[in-house]
């Protein structure tokens, strides 16, 4: 699929009210441990063989099943508002322009308060 075809598919999906991107987040706060954020933005691909590979890759990125219960899937608006200070400007620009059909961004921030 060419870049132009991917952009056309993105426009078609948005007309159908199917979000083009997915937004995942985990916030973990432990007394004496500080706070951790795991964030992911990716294409909204359909399930393949009944599996949600984007969620599975996010779990691999997190690396510890202890945090899996805290995974939230947010709308774009919720994600962008809540994590505005943690999203780099070039990622925000890509979301605004809708010109990166293969975007897959993950990051982990940890702040230790001790």
Protein backbone atom coordinates (compact mmCIF):
# COMPACT_ATOMS: atom_id res chain seq x y z
CA UNK A 1 0.00 0.00 0.00
CA UNK A 2 1.43 3.40 -0.96
CA UNK A 3 1.60 6.39 1.37
CA UNK A 4 -1.23 8.09 -0.54
CA UNK A 5 -3.40 4.97 -0.31
CA UNK A 6 -2.80 4.84 3.44
CA UNK A 7 -3.87 8.47 3.79
CA UNK A 8 -7.01 7.75 1.74
CA UNK A 9 -7.76 4.80 4.03
CA UNK A 10 -7.28 7.07 7.05
CA UNK A 11 -9.77 9.60 5.68
CA UNK A 12 -12.26 6.82 4.90
CA UNK A 13 -12.00 5.35 8.41
CA UNK A 14 -12.50 8.73 10.03
CA UNK A 15 -15.63 9.30 7.93
CA UNK A 16 -16.88 5.98 9.34
CA UNK A 17 -16.09 7.27 12.86
CA UNK A 18 -13.36 4.69 13.26
CA UNK A 19 -10.41 6.44 14.90
CA UNK A 20 -7.27 6.24 12.80
CA UNK A 21 -4.98 6.03 15.83
CA UNK A 22 -5.21 4.28 19.19
CA UNK A 23 -4.02 5.74 22.47
CA UNK A 24 -2.85 3.67 25.44
CA UNK A 25 -1.59 4.79 28.83
CA UNK A 26 -0.55 3.39 32.18
CA UNK A 27 0.02 5.56 35.24
CA UNK A 28 1.58 3.88 38.24
CA UNK A 29 2.19 5.58 41.56
CA UNK A 30 3.75 3.74 44.47
CA UNK A 31 4.46 5.28 47.84
CA UNK A 32 8.19 5.87 47.96
CA UNK A 33 8.54 4.74 44.35
CA UNK A 34 7.58 7.89 42.49
CA UNK A 35 5.34 7.81 39.43
CA UNK A 36 5.69 6.06 36.08
CA UNK A 37 3.90 6.73 32.81
CA UNK A 38 3.88 4.37 29.84
CA UNK A 39 2.34 5.92 26.72
CA UNK A 40 1.62 4.57 23.25
CA UNK A 41 0.11 5.97 20.07
CA UNK A 42 -0.35 3.62 17.13
CA UNK A 43 -2.45 2.89 14.08
CA UNK A 44 -5.88 1.46 14.74
CA UNK A 45 -5.52 -1.86 12.99
CA UNK A 46 -8.27 -4.43 13.09
CA UNK A 47 -7.76 -7.61 15.09
CA UNK A 48 -5.77 -10.25 13.30
CA UNK A 49 -6.77 -13.86 13.99
CA UNK A 50 -8.70 -12.53 16.97
CA UNK A 51 -5.59 -10.99 18.54
CA UNK A 52 -4.96 -7.37 19.44
CA UNK A 53 -1.32 -7.15 18.42
CA UNK A 54 -1.03 -3.45 19.32
CA UNK A 55 -2.06 -4.19 22.89
CA UNK A 56 0.30 -7.18 23.01
CA UNK A 57 3.22 -5.03 21.80
CA UNK A 58 2.37 -2.39 24.42
CA UNK A 59 2.42 -5.07 27.12
CA UNK A 60 5.84 -6.22 25.87
CA UNK A 61 7.04 -2.61 26.06
CA UNK A 62 5.78 -2.28 29.65
CA UNK A 63 7.52 -5.53 30.48
CA UNK A 64 5.79 -6.48 33.74
CA UNK A 65 2.31 -7.94 34.05
CA UNK A 66 1.90 -6.17 37.40
CA UNK A 67 0.96 -3.00 35.48
CA UNK A 68 -1.37 -4.58 32.89
CA UNK A 69 -4.51 -4.03 34.97
CA UNK A 70 -3.83 -0.28 34.79
CA UNK A 71 -3.79 -0.04 30.98
CA UNK A 72 -6.28 2.54 29.76
CA UNK A 73 -7.30 3.02 26.15
CA UNK A 74 -8.24 6.66 25.76
CA UNK A 75 -9.76 8.78 23.04
CA UNK A 76 -7.40 11.08 21.21
CA UNK A 77 -8.80 14.12 22.99
CA UNK A 78 -8.47 12.54 26.45
CA UNK A 79 -4.92 11.39 25.72
CA UNK A 80 -3.70 14.67 24.25
CA UNK A 81 -5.19 16.75 27.07
CA UNK A 82 -4.03 14.47 29.90
CA UNK A 83 -0.49 13.93 28.61
CA UNK A 84 0.12 17.18 26.72
CA UNK A 85 3.33 17.89 28.64
CA UNK A 86 4.75 14.43 27.92
CA UNK A 87 4.12 14.27 24.16
CA UNK A 88 6.95 15.68 22.02
CA UNK A 89 5.99 18.45 19.63
CA UNK A 90 6.89 16.39 16.54
CA UNK A 91 4.43 13.68 17.63
CA UNK A 92 1.70 16.27 18.24
CA UNK A 93 2.37 17.66 14.77
CA UNK A 94 2.02 14.20 13.21
CA UNK A 95 -1.33 13.72 14.98
CA UNK A 96 -2.56 17.11 13.82
CA UNK A 97 -1.45 16.64 10.21
CA UNK A 98 -2.62 13.00 9.97
CA UNK A 99 0.27 12.39 7.59
CA UNK A 100 1.93 9.44 9.34
CA UNK A 101 -0.22 6.37 8.70
CA UNK A 102 2.38 4.00 10.19
CA UNK A 103 2.98 5.95 13.40
CA UNK A 104 3.88 3.76 16.37
CA UNK A 105 5.19 5.79 19.32
CA UNK A 106 5.93 4.47 22.81
CA UNK A 107 7.60 6.13 25.74
CA UNK A 108 8.19 5.56 29.43
CA UNK A 109 8.72 8.34 31.97
CA UNK A 110 9.59 7.77 35.60
CA UNK A 111 9.87 10.47 38.25
CA UNK A 112 11.29 9.51 41.63
CA UNK A 113 10.19 11.83 44.42
CA UNK A 114 12.69 10.64 47.03
